[in-house]
Amino acid sequence: APAFSAYGVAAQQEDPLTQAMRGLIDSAQTQEHQIALLWR
């Protein structure tokens, strides 16, 4: 944690909408993997 962060946003943090999209992508990938295992 620095004493001051120029321009308000540091590079470590993503936009919350991007975080939500990544969560949906991970969930969809997991579901497809589980469905493929069931069919096999």
PDB file of all heavy atoms in Angstrom:
ATOM      1  N   ALA A   1       0.824  -1.208   0.000  1.00  0.00           N
ATOM      2  CA  ALA A   1       0.000   0.000   0.000  1.00  0.00           C
ATOM      3  C   ALA A   1       0.857   1.257   0.000  1.00  0.00           C
ATOM      4  O   ALA A   1       1.554   1.540   0.963  1.00  0.00           O
ATOM      5  CB  ALA A   1      -0.908   0.002   1.235  1.00  0.00           C
ATOM      6  N   PRO A   2       0.850   2.036  -1.088  1.00  0.00           N
ATOM      7  CA  PRO A   2       1.644   3.250  -1.139  1.00  0.00           C
ATOM      8  C   PRO A   2       0.927   4.401  -0.467  1.00  0.00           C
ATOM      9  O   PRO A   2      -0.276   4.355  -0.228  1.00  0.00           O
ATOM     10  CB  PRO A   2       1.791   3.504  -2.649  1.00  0.00           C
ATOM     11  CG  PRO A   2       0.532   2.945  -3.216  1.00  0.00           C
ATOM     12  CD  PRO A   2       0.161   1.775  -2.358  1.00  0.00           C
ATOM     13  N   ALA A   3       1.656   5.460  -0.178  1.00  0.00           N
ATOM     14  CA  ALA A   3       1.051   6.620   0.461  1.00  0.00           C
ATOM     15  C   ALA A   3       0.175   7.392  -0.512  1.00  0.00           C
ATOM     16  O   ALA A   3      -0.764   8.046  -0.122  1.00  0.00           O
ATOM     17  CB  ALA A   3       2.149   7.530   1.014  1.00  0.00           C
ATOM     18  N   PHE A   4       0.477   7.270  -1.808  1.00  0.00           N
ATOM     19  CA  PHE A   4      -0.282   8.041  -2.795  1.00  0.00           C
ATOM     20  C   PHE A   4      -0.321   7.280  -4.104  1.00  0.00           C
ATOM     21  O   PHE A   4       0.672   6.722  -4.546  1.00  0.00           O
ATOM     22  CB  PHE A   4       0.379   9.401  -3.000  1.00  0.00           C
ATOM     23  CG  PHE A   4      -0.272  10.225  -4.086  1.00  0.00           C
ATOM     24  CD1 PHE A   4      -1.532  10.732  -3.911  1.00  0.00           C
ATOM     25  CD2 PHE A   4       0.392  10.460  -5.275  1.00  0.00           C
ATOM     26  CE1 PHE A   4      -2.142  11.484  -4.912  1.00  0.00           C
ATOM     27  CE2 PHE A   4      -0.208  11.207  -6.271  1.00  0.00           C
ATOM     28  CZ  PHE A   4      -1.470  11.724  -6.080  1.00  0.00           C
ATOM     29  N   SER A   5      -1.478   7.233  -4.726  1.00  0.00           N
ATOM     30  CA  SER A   5      -1.658   6.533  -5.995  1.00  0.00           C
ATOM     31  C   SER A   5      -2.047   7.542  -7.058  1.00  0.00           C
ATOM     32  O   SER A   5      -3.148   8.074  -7.039  1.00  0.00           O
ATOM     33  CB  SER A   5      -2.731   5.452  -5.858  1.00  0.00           C
ATOM     34  OG  SER A   5      -2.947   4.819  -7.096  1.00  0.00           O
ATOM     35  N   ALA A   6      -1.149   7.813  -7.989  1.00  0.00           N
ATOM     36  CA  ALA A   6      -1.408   8.817  -9.014  1.00  0.00           C
ATOM     37  C   ALA A   6      -2.547   8.385  -9.926  1.00  0.00           C
ATOM     38  O   ALA A   6      -2.682   7.225 -10.281  1.00  0.00           O
ATOM     39  CB  ALA A   6      -0.141   9.044  -9.834  1.00  0.00           C
ATOM     40  N   TYR A   7      -3.383   9.356 -10.303  1.00  0.00           N
ATOM     41  CA  TYR A   7      -4.508   9.160 -11.211  1.00  0.00           C
ATOM     42  C   TYR A   7      -5.557   8.191 -10.686  1.00  0.00           C
ATOM     43  O   TYR A   7      -6.415   7.730 -11.412  1.00  0.00           O
ATOM     44  CB  TYR A   7      -4.039   8.738 -12.598  1.00  0.00           C
ATOM     45  CG  TYR A   7      -3.394   9.873 -13.344  1.00  0.00           C
ATOM     46  CD1 TYR A   7      -2.030  10.073 -13.286  1.00  0.00           C
ATOM     47  CD2 TYR A   7      -4.162  10.772 -14.065  1.00  0.00           C
ATOM     48  CE1 TYR A   7      -1.433  11.141 -13.943  1.00  0.00           C
ATOM     49  CE2 TYR A   7      -3.577  11.836 -14.732  1.00  0.00           C
ATOM     50  CZ  TYR A   7      -2.207  12.012 -14.666  1.00  0.00           C
ATOM     51  OH  TYR A   7      -1.628  13.056 -15.312  1.00  0.00           O
ATOM     52  N   GLY A   8      -5.489   7.850  -9.419  1.00  0.00           N
ATOM     53  CA  GLY A   8      -6.621   7.219  -8.762  1.00  0.00           C
ATOM     54  C   GLY A   8      -6.737   5.720  -8.859  1.00  0.00           C
ATOM     55  O   GLY A   8      -7.309   5.104  -7.987  1.00  0.00           O
ATOM     56  N   VAL A   9      -6.198   5.080  -9.874  1.00  0.00           N
ATOM     57  CA  VAL A   9      -6.373   3.649 -10.048  1.00  0.00           C
ATOM     58  C   VAL A   9      -5.036   3.021 -10.374  1.00  0.00           C
ATOM     59  O   VAL A   9      -4.371   3.418 -11.314  1.00  0.00           O
ATOM     60  CB  VAL A   9      -7.378   3.332 -11.178  1.00  0.00           C
ATOM     61  CG1 VAL A   9      -7.531   1.836 -11.349  1.00  0.00           C
ATOM     62  CG2 VAL A   9      -8.725   3.953 -10.873  1.00  0.00           C
ATOM     63  N   ALA A  10      -4.637   2.041  -9.584  1.00  0.00           N
ATOM     64  CA  ALA A  10      -3.396   1.324  -9.840  1.00  0.00           C
ATOM     65  C   ALA A  10      -3.675   0.143 -10.763  1.00  0.00           C
ATOM     66  O   ALA A  10      -4.805  -0.287 -10.945  1.00  0.00           O
ATOM     67  CB  ALA A  10      -2.780   0.834  -8.525  1.00  0.00           C
ATOM     68  N   ALA A  11      -2.592  -0.393 -11.320  1.00  0.00           N
ATOM     69  CA  ALA A  11      -2.744  -1.421 -12.348  1.00  0.00           C
ATOM     70  C   ALA A  11      -3.210  -2.757 -11.792  1.00  0.00           C
ATOM     71  O   ALA A  11      -3.676  -3.605 -12.535  1.00  0.00           O
ATOM     72  CB  ALA A  11      -1.406  -1.612 -13.072  1.00  0.00           C
ATOM     73  N   GLN A  12      -3.101  -2.972 -10.462  1.00  0.00           N
ATOM     74  CA  GLN A  12      -3.431  -4.290  -9.925  1.00  0.00           C
ATOM     75  C   GLN A  12      -4.917  -4.597  -9.990  1.00  0.00           C
ATOM     76  O   GLN A  12      -5.318  -5.743  -9.975  1.00  0.00           O
ATOM     77  CB  GLN A  12      -2.985  -4.387  -8.454  1.00  0.00           C
ATOM     78  CG  GLN A  12      -1.489  -4.223  -8.273  1.00  0.00           C
ATOM     79  CD  GLN A  12      -1.161  -2.827  -7.826  1.00  0.00           C
ATOM     80  OE1 GLN A  12      -1.744  -1.878  -8.325  1.00  0.00           O
ATOM     81  NE2 GLN A  12      -0.229  -2.689  -6.915  1.00  0.00           N
ATOM     82  N   GLN A  13      -5.759  -3.579 -10.012  1.00  0.00           N
ATOM     83  CA  GLN A  13      -7.197  -3.797  -9.863  1.00  0.00           C
ATOM     84  C   GLN A  13      -7.926  -3.680 -11.191  1.00  0.00           C
ATOM     85  O   GLN A  13      -7.705  -2.760 -11.956  1.00  0.00           O
ATOM     86  CB  GLN A  13      -7.769  -2.773  -8.883  1.00  0.00           C
ATOM     87  CG  GLN A  13      -9.232  -2.966  -8.597  1.00  0.00           C
ATOM     88  CD  GLN A  13      -9.517  -4.296  -7.945  1.00  0.00           C
ATOM     89  OE1 GLN A  13      -8.877  -4.648  -6.967  1.00  0.00           O
ATOM     90  NE2 GLN A  13     -10.444  -5.038  -8.498  1.00  0.00           N
ATOM     91  N   GLU A  14      -8.795  -4.647 -11.465  1.00  0.00           N
ATOM     92  CA  GLU A  14      -9.571  -4.622 -12.688  1.00  0.00           C
ATOM     93  C   GLU A  14     -10.900  -3.919 -12.480  1.00  0.00           C
ATOM     94  O   GLU A  14     -11.405  -3.808 -11.367  1.00  0.00           O
ATOM     95  CB  GLU A  14      -9.828  -6.050 -13.170  1.00  0.00           C
ATOM     96  CG  GLU A  14      -8.584  -6.780 -13.650  1.00  0.00           C
ATOM     97  CD  GLU A  14      -8.944  -8.172 -14.127  1.00  0.00           C
ATOM     98  OE1 GLU A  14      -9.783  -8.818 -13.491  1.00  0.00           O
ATOM     99  OE2 GLU A  14      -8.384  -8.600 -15.138  1.00  0.00           O
ATOM    100  N   ASP A  15     -11.482  -3.513 -13.579  1.00  0.00           N
ATOM    101  CA  ASP A  15     -12.831  -2.983 -13.568  1.00  0.00           C
ATOM    102  C   ASP A  15     -13.787  -4.080 -13.090  1.00  0.00           C
ATOM    103  O   ASP A  15     -13.642  -5.244 -13.468  1.00  0.00           O
ATOM    104  CB  ASP A  15     -13.177  -2.541 -14.992  1.00  0.00           C
ATOM    105  CG  ASP A  15     -14.593  -2.036 -15.095  1.00  0.00           C
ATOM    106  OD1 ASP A  15     -14.798  -0.838 -14.904  1.00  0.00           O
ATOM    107  OD2 ASP A  15     -15.482  -2.859 -15.371  1.00  0.00           O
ATOM    108  N   PRO A  16     -14.789  -3.740 -12.257  1.00  0.00           N
ATOM    109  CA  PRO A  16     -15.706  -4.774 -11.754  1.00  0.00           C
ATOM    110  C   PRO A  16     -16.481  -5.483 -12.851  1.00  0.00           C
ATOM    111  O   PRO A  16     -16.814  -6.665 -12.719  1.00  0.00           O
ATOM    112  CB  PRO A  16     -16.631  -3.993 -10.816  1.00  0.00           C
ATOM    113  CG  PRO A  16     -16.456  -2.558 -11.174  1.00  0.00           C
ATOM    114  CD  PRO A  16     -15.058  -2.425 -11.668  1.00  0.00           C
ATOM    115  N   LEU A  17     -16.786  -4.803 -13.950  1.00  0.00           N
ATOM    116  CA  LEU A  17     -17.473  -5.464 -15.053  1.00  0.00           C
ATOM    117  C   LEU A  17     -16.577  -6.526 -15.690  1.00  0.00           C
ATOM    118  O   LEU A  17     -17.037  -7.617 -16.046  1.00  0.00           O
ATOM    119  CB  LEU A  17     -17.901  -4.426 -16.094  1.00  0.00           C
ATOM    120  CG  LEU A  17     -18.745  -4.948 -17.255  1.00  0.00           C
ATOM    121  CD1 LEU A  17     -20.030  -5.579 -16.746  1.00  0.00           C
ATOM    122  CD2 LEU A  17     -19.057  -3.828 -18.236  1.00  0.00           C
ATOM    123  N   THR A  18     -15.286  -6.226 -15.803  1.00  0.00           N
ATOM    124  CA  THR A  18     -14.339  -7.209 -16.318  1.00  0.00           C
ATOM    125  C   THR A  18     -14.247  -8.412 -15.397  1.00  0.00           C
ATOM    126  O   THR A  18     -14.191  -9.561 -15.849  1.00  0.00           O
ATOM    127  CB  THR A  18     -12.952  -6.571 -16.485  1.00  0.00           C
ATOM    128  OG1 THR A  18     -13.043  -5.462 -17.380  1.00  0.00           O
ATOM    129  CG2 THR A  18     -11.956  -7.573 -17.043  1.00  0.00           C
ATOM    130  N   GLN A  19     -14.239  -8.158 -14.097  1.00  0.00           N
ATOM    131  CA  GLN A  19     -14.210  -9.259 -13.142  1.00  0.00           C
ATOM    132  C   GLN A  19     -15.442 -10.143 -13.280  1.00  0.00           C
ATOM    133  O   GLN A  19     -15.343 -11.377 -13.223  1.00  0.00           O
ATOM    134  CB  GLN A  19     -14.120  -8.704 -11.721  1.00  0.00           C
ATOM    135  CG  GLN A  19     -12.791  -8.040 -11.405  1.00  0.00           C
ATOM    136  CD  GLN A  19     -12.755  -7.483  -9.994  1.00  0.00           C
ATOM    137  OE1 GLN A  19     -13.763  -7.001  -9.483  1.00  0.00           O
ATOM    138  NE2 GLN A  19     -11.609  -7.547  -9.358  1.00  0.00           N
ATOM    139  N   ALA A  20     -16.614  -9.525 -13.478  1.00  0.00           N
ATOM    140  CA  ALA A  20     -17.837 -10.305 -13.649  1.00  0.00           C
ATOM    141  C   ALA A  20     -17.776 -11.143 -14.919  1.00  0.00           C
ATOM    142  O   ALA A  20     -18.186 -12.322 -14.928  1.00  0.00           O
ATOM    143  CB  ALA A  20     -19.043  -9.370 -13.682  1.00  0.00           C
ATOM    144  N   MET A  21     -17.253 -10.559 -16.002  1.00  0.00           N
ATOM    145  CA  MET A  21     -17.139 -11.303 -17.263  1.00  0.00           C
ATOM    146  C   MET A  21     -16.189 -12.485 -17.119  1.00  0.00           C
ATOM    147  O   MET A  21     -16.462 -13.582 -17.613  1.00  0.00           O
ATOM    148  CB  MET A  21     -16.651 -10.358 -18.366  1.00  0.00           C
ATOM    149  CG  MET A  21     -17.665  -9.300 -18.784  1.00  0.00           C
ATOM    150  SD  MET A  21     -19.120 -10.026 -19.578  1.00  0.00           S
ATOM    151  CE  MET A  21     -18.388 -10.686 -21.075  1.00  0.00           C
ATOM    152  N   ARG A  22     -15.086 -12.279 -16.424  1.00  0.00           N
ATOM    153  CA  ARG A  22     -14.144 -13.385 -16.218  1.00  0.00           C
ATOM    154  C   ARG A  22     -14.799 -14.498 -15.398  1.00  0.00           C
ATOM    155  O   ARG A  22     -14.574 -15.687 -15.655  1.00  0.00           O
ATOM    156  CB  ARG A  22     -12.889 -12.882 -15.520  1.00  0.00           C
ATOM    157  CG  ARG A  22     -12.004 -12.022 -16.399  1.00  0.00           C
ATOM    158  CD  ARG A  22     -10.650 -11.770 -15.737  1.00  0.00           C
ATOM    159  NE  ARG A  22      -9.860 -10.837 -16.489  1.00  0.00           N
ATOM    160  CZ  ARG A  22      -9.186 -11.130 -17.599  1.00  0.00           C
ATOM    161  NH1 ARG A  22      -9.227 -12.364 -18.095  1.00  0.00           N
ATOM    162  NH2 ARG A  22      -8.484 -10.200 -18.225  1.00  0.00           N
ATOM    163  N   GLY A  23     -15.610 -14.108 -14.407  1.00  0.00           N
ATOM    164  CA  GLY A  23     -16.302 -15.115 -13.609  1.00  0.00           C
ATOM    165  C   GLY A  23     -17.266 -15.936 -14.438  1.00  0.00           C
ATOM    166  O   GLY A  23     -17.363 -17.165 -14.282  1.00  0.00           O
ATOM    167  N   LEU A  24     -17.993 -15.272 -15.345  1.00  0.00           N
ATOM    168  CA  LEU A  24     -18.922 -15.982 -16.217  1.00  0.00           C
ATOM    169  C   LEU A  24     -18.182 -16.915 -17.175  1.00  0.00           C
ATOM    170  O   LEU A  24     -18.640 -18.036 -17.458  1.00  0.00           O
ATOM    171  CB  LEU A  24     -19.768 -14.976 -17.001  1.00  0.00           C
ATOM    172  CG  LEU A  24     -20.780 -14.162 -16.177  1.00  0.00           C
ATOM    173  CD1 LEU A  24     -21.417 -13.085 -17.060  1.00  0.00           C
ATOM    174  CD2 LEU A  24     -21.847 -15.064 -15.587  1.00  0.00           C
ATOM    175  N   ILE A  25     -17.054 -16.459 -17.697  1.00  0.00           N
ATOM    176  CA  ILE A  25     -16.261 -17.302 -18.610  1.00  0.00           C
ATOM    177  C   ILE A  25     -15.752 -18.539 -17.881  1.00  0.00           C
ATOM    178  O   ILE A  25     -15.841 -19.670 -18.391  1.00  0.00           O
ATOM    179  CB  ILE A  25     -15.094 -16.487 -19.196  1.00  0.00           C
ATOM    180  CG1 ILE A  25     -15.618 -15.414 -20.157  1.00  0.00           C
ATOM    181  CG2 ILE A  25     -14.114 -17.402 -19.923  1.00  0.00           C
ATOM    182  CD1 ILE A  25     -14.567 -14.428 -20.611  1.00  0.00           C
ATOM    183  N   ASP A  26     -15.237 -18.354 -16.663  1.00  0.00           N
ATOM    184  CA  ASP A  26     -14.738 -19.495 -15.894  1.00  0.00           C
ATOM    185  C   ASP A  26     -15.859 -20.474 -15.573  1.00  0.00           C
ATOM    186  O   ASP A  26     -15.676 -21.697 -15.643  1.00  0.00           O
ATOM    187  CB  ASP A  26     -14.083 -19.009 -14.602  1.00  0.00           C
ATOM    188  CG  ASP A  26     -12.795 -18.234 -14.850  1.00  0.00           C
ATOM    189  OD1 ASP A  26     -12.240 -18.374 -15.959  1.00  0.00           O
ATOM    190  OD2 ASP A  26     -12.367 -17.494 -13.952  1.00  0.00           O
ATOM    191  N   SER A  27     -17.051 -19.935 -15.244  1.00  0.00           N
ATOM    192  CA  SER A  27     -18.184 -20.798 -14.926  1.00  0.00           C
ATOM    193  C   SER A  27     -18.627 -21.592 -16.151  1.00  0.00           C
ATOM    194  O   SER A  27     -18.901 -22.803 -16.062  1.00  0.00           O
ATOM    195  CB  SER A  27     -19.349 -19.954 -14.394  1.00  0.00           C
ATOM    196  OG  SER A  27     -20.486 -20.753 -14.143  1.00  0.00           O
ATOM    197  N   ALA A  28     -18.688 -20.921 -17.313  1.00  0.00           N
ATOM    198  CA  ALA A  28     -19.093 -21.606 -18.540  1.00  0.00           C
ATOM    199  C   ALA A  28     -18.094 -22.694 -18.915  1.00  0.00           C
ATOM    200  O   ALA A  28     -18.481 -23.793 -19.344  1.00  0.00           O
ATOM    201  CB  ALA A  28     -19.241 -20.597 -19.673  1.00  0.00           C
ATOM    202  N   GLN A  29     -16.822 -22.410 -18.743  1.00  0.00           N
ATOM    203  CA  GLN A  29     -15.807 -23.407 -19.063  1.00  0.00           C
ATOM    204  C   GLN A  29     -15.926 -24.623 -18.149  1.00  0.00           C
ATOM    205  O   GLN A  29     -15.829 -25.776 -18.603  1.00  0.00           O
ATOM    206  CB  GLN A  29     -14.414 -22.789 -18.932  1.00  0.00           C
ATOM    207  CG  GLN A  29     -13.282 -23.742 -19.322  1.00  0.00           C
ATOM    208  CD  GLN A  29     -11.921 -23.100 -19.150  1.00  0.00           C
ATOM    209  OE1 GLN A  29     -11.758 -22.178 -18.353  1.00  0.00           O
ATOM    210  NE2 GLN A  29     -10.932 -23.572 -19.895  1.00  0.00           N
ATOM    211  N   THR A  30     -16.163 -24.378 -16.870  1.00  0.00           N
ATOM    212  CA  THR A  30     -16.310 -25.475 -15.914  1.00  0.00           C
ATOM    213  C   THR A  30     -17.535 -26.318 -16.228  1.00  0.00           C
ATOM    214  O   THR A  30     -17.488 -27.563 -16.180  1.00  0.00           O
ATOM    215  CB  THR A  30     -16.407 -24.914 -14.488  1.00  0.00           C
ATOM    216  OG1 THR A  30     -15.229 -24.170 -14.192  1.00  0.00           O
ATOM    217  CG2 THR A  30     -16.549 -26.033 -13.464  1.00  0.00           C
ATOM    218  N   GLN A  31     -18.651 -25.658 -16.563  1.00  0.00           N
ATOM    219  CA  GLN A  31     -19.871 -26.393 -16.875  1.00  0.00           C
ATOM    220  C   GLN A  31     -19.699 -27.253 -18.120  1.00  0.00           C
ATOM    221  O   GLN A  31     -20.158 -28.407 -18.163  1.00  0.00           O
ATOM    222  CB  GLN A  31     -21.028 -25.417 -17.056  1.00  0.00           C
ATOM    223  CG  GLN A  31     -21.481 -24.747 -15.763  1.00  0.00           C
ATOM    224  CD  GLN A  31     -22.622 -23.778 -15.977  1.00  0.00           C
ATOM    225  OE1 GLN A  31     -23.299 -23.823 -17.001  1.00  0.00           O
ATOM    226  NE2 GLN A  31     -22.841 -22.897 -15.017  1.00  0.00           N
ATOM    227  N   GLU A  32     -19.041 -26.722 -19.153  1.00  0.00           N
ATOM    228  CA  GLU A  32     -18.840 -27.516 -20.360  1.00  0.00           C
ATOM    229  C   GLU A  32     -17.956 -28.733 -20.066  1.00  0.00           C
ATOM    230  O   GLU A  32     -18.194 -29.825 -20.578  1.00  0.00           O
ATOM    231  CB  GLU A  32     -18.202 -26.661 -21.454  1.00  0.00           C
ATOM    232  CG  GLU A  32     -18.084 -27.443 -22.769  1.00  0.00           C
ATOM    233  CD  GLU A  32     -17.442 -26.628 -23.874  1.00  0.00           C
ATOM    234  OE1 GLU A  32     -16.320 -26.161 -23.661  1.00  0.00           O
ATOM    235  OE2 GLU A  32     -18.064 -26.482 -24.939  1.00  0.00           O
ATOM    236  N   HIS A  33     -16.956 -28.537 -19.213  1.00  0.00           N
ATOM    237  CA  HIS A  33     -16.084 -29.655 -18.850  1.00  0.00           C
ATOM    238  C   HIS A  33     -16.882 -30.744 -18.130  1.00  0.00           C
ATOM    239  O   HIS A  33     -16.734 -31.942 -18.432  1.00  0.00           O
ATOM    240  CB  HIS A  33     -14.949 -29.141 -17.959  1.00  0.00           C
ATOM    241  CG  HIS A  33     -14.030 -30.218 -17.467  1.00  0.00           C
ATOM    242  ND1 HIS A  33     -13.203 -30.933 -18.307  1.00  0.00           N
ATOM    243  CD2 HIS A  33     -13.819 -30.719 -16.213  1.00  0.00           C
ATOM    244  CE1 HIS A  33     -12.516 -31.818 -17.611  1.00  0.00           C
ATOM    245  NE2 HIS A  33     -12.871 -31.699 -16.340  1.00  0.00           N
ATOM    246  N   GLN A  34     -17.746 -30.331 -17.196  1.00  0.00           N
ATOM    247  CA  GLN A  34     -18.544 -31.306 -16.459  1.00  0.00           C
ATOM    248  C   GLN A  34     -19.527 -32.029 -17.375  1.00  0.00           C
ATOM    249  O   GLN A  34     -19.734 -33.250 -17.253  1.00  0.00           O
ATOM    250  CB  GLN A  34     -19.296 -30.590 -15.325  1.00  0.00           C
ATOM    251  CG  GLN A  34     -18.400 -30.021 -14.241  1.00  0.00           C
ATOM    252  CD  GLN A  34     -17.600 -31.076 -13.515  1.00  0.00           C
ATOM    253  OE1 GLN A  34     -18.093 -32.185 -13.288  1.00  0.00           O
ATOM    254  NE2 GLN A  34     -16.368 -30.748 -13.154  1.00  0.00           N
ATOM    255  N   ILE A  35     -20.157 -31.309 -18.303  1.00  0.00           N
ATOM    256  CA  ILE A  35     -21.088 -31.935 -19.238  1.00  0.00           C
ATOM    257  C   ILE A  35     -20.371 -32.950 -20.122  1.00  0.00           C
ATOM    258  O   ILE A  35     -20.873 -34.061 -20.386  1.00  0.00           O
ATOM    259  CB  ILE A  35     -21.794 -30.863 -20.082  1.00  0.00           C
ATOM    260  CG1 ILE A  35     -22.740 -30.033 -19.195  1.00  0.00           C
ATOM    261  CG2 ILE A  35     -22.561 -31.492 -21.237  1.00  0.00           C
ATOM    262  CD1 ILE A  35     -23.312 -28.820 -19.892  1.00  0.00           C
ATOM    263  N   ALA A  36     -19.174 -32.594 -20.584  1.00  0.00           N
ATOM    264  CA  ALA A  36     -18.407 -33.521 -21.422  1.00  0.00           C
ATOM    265  C   ALA A  36     -18.058 -34.790 -20.645  1.00  0.00           C
ATOM    266  O   ALA A  36     -18.125 -35.913 -21.191  1.00  0.00           O
ATOM    267  CB  ALA A  36     -17.141 -32.829 -21.921  1.00  0.00           C
ATOM    268  N   LEU A  37     -17.707 -34.638 -19.376  1.00  0.00           N
ATOM    269  CA  LEU A  37     -17.403 -35.818 -18.555  1.00  0.00           C
ATOM    270  C   LEU A  37     -18.625 -36.706 -18.388  1.00  0.00           C
ATOM    271  O   LEU A  37     -18.525 -37.950 -18.419  1.00  0.00           O
ATOM    272  CB  LEU A  37     -16.885 -35.370 -17.187  1.00  0.00           C
ATOM    273  CG  LEU A  37     -15.502 -34.704 -17.148  1.00  0.00           C
ATOM    274  CD1 LEU A  37     -15.168 -34.260 -15.730  1.00  0.00           C
ATOM    275  CD2 LEU A  37     -14.434 -35.650 -17.673  1.00  0.00           C
ATOM    276  N   LEU A  38     -19.794 -36.084 -18.191  1.00  0.00           N
ATOM    277  CA  LEU A  38     -21.016 -36.867 -18.050  1.00  0.00           C
ATOM    278  C   LEU A  38     -21.334 -37.651 -19.321  1.00  0.00           C
ATOM    279  O   LEU A  38     -21.694 -38.842 -19.270  1.00  0.00           O
ATOM    280  CB  LEU A  38     -22.185 -35.938 -17.701  1.00  0.00           C
ATOM    281  CG  LEU A  38     -22.192 -35.357 -16.280  1.00  0.00           C
ATOM    282  CD1 LEU A  38     -23.290 -34.306 -16.135  1.00  0.00           C
ATOM    283  CD2 LEU A  38     -22.400 -36.476 -15.249  1.00  0.00           C
ATOM    284  N   TRP A  39     -21.215 -37.003 -20.504  1.00  0.00           N
ATOM    285  CA  TRP A  39     -21.487 -37.702 -21.752  1.00  0.00           C
ATOM    286  C   TRP A  39     -20.496 -38.846 -21.985  1.00  0.00           C
ATOM    287  O   TRP A  39     -20.862 -39.919 -22.490  1.00  0.00           O
ATOM    288  CB  TRP A  39     -21.444 -36.736 -22.928  1.00  0.00           C
ATOM    289  CG  TRP A  39     -22.683 -35.907 -23.100  1.00  0.00           C
ATOM    290  CD1 TRP A  39     -22.778 -34.558 -23.115  1.00  0.00           C
ATOM    291  CD2 TRP A  39     -24.007 -36.393 -23.291  1.00  0.00           C
ATOM    292  NE1 TRP A  39     -24.070 -34.146 -23.289  1.00  0.00           N
ATOM    293  CE2 TRP A  39     -24.859 -35.265 -23.405  1.00  0.00           C
ATOM    294  CE3 TRP A  39     -24.579 -37.681 -23.366  1.00  0.00           C
ATOM    295  CZ2 TRP A  39     -26.232 -35.385 -23.599  1.00  0.00           C
ATOM    296  CZ3 TRP A  39     -25.948 -37.792 -23.567  1.00  0.00           C
ATOM    297  CH2 TRP A  39     -26.753 -36.646 -23.666  1.00  0.00           C
ATOM    298  N   ARG A  40     -19.243 -38.638 -21.602  1.00  0.00           N
ATOM    299  CA  ARG A  40     -18.258 -39.720 -21.760  1.00  0.00           C
ATOM    300  C   ARG A  40     -18.599 -40.902 -20.851  1.00  0.00           C
ATOM    301  O   ARG A  40     -18.446 -42.074 -21.249  1.00  0.00           O
ATOM    302  CB  ARG A  40     -16.868 -39.191 -21.438  1.00  0.00           C
ATOM    303  CG  ARG A  40     -16.323 -38.211 -22.476  1.00  0.00           C
ATOM    304  CD  ARG A  40     -15.027 -37.573 -22.004  1.00  0.00           C
ATOM    305  NE  ARG A  40     -14.669 -36.425 -22.838  1.00  0.00           N
ATOM    306  CZ  ARG A  40     -13.689 -35.578 -22.530  1.00  0.00           C
ATOM    307  NH1 ARG A  40     -12.989 -35.734 -21.417  1.00  0.00           N
ATOM    308  NH2 ARG A  40     -13.440 -34.556 -23.342  1.00  0.00           N
TER     309      ARG A  40
END
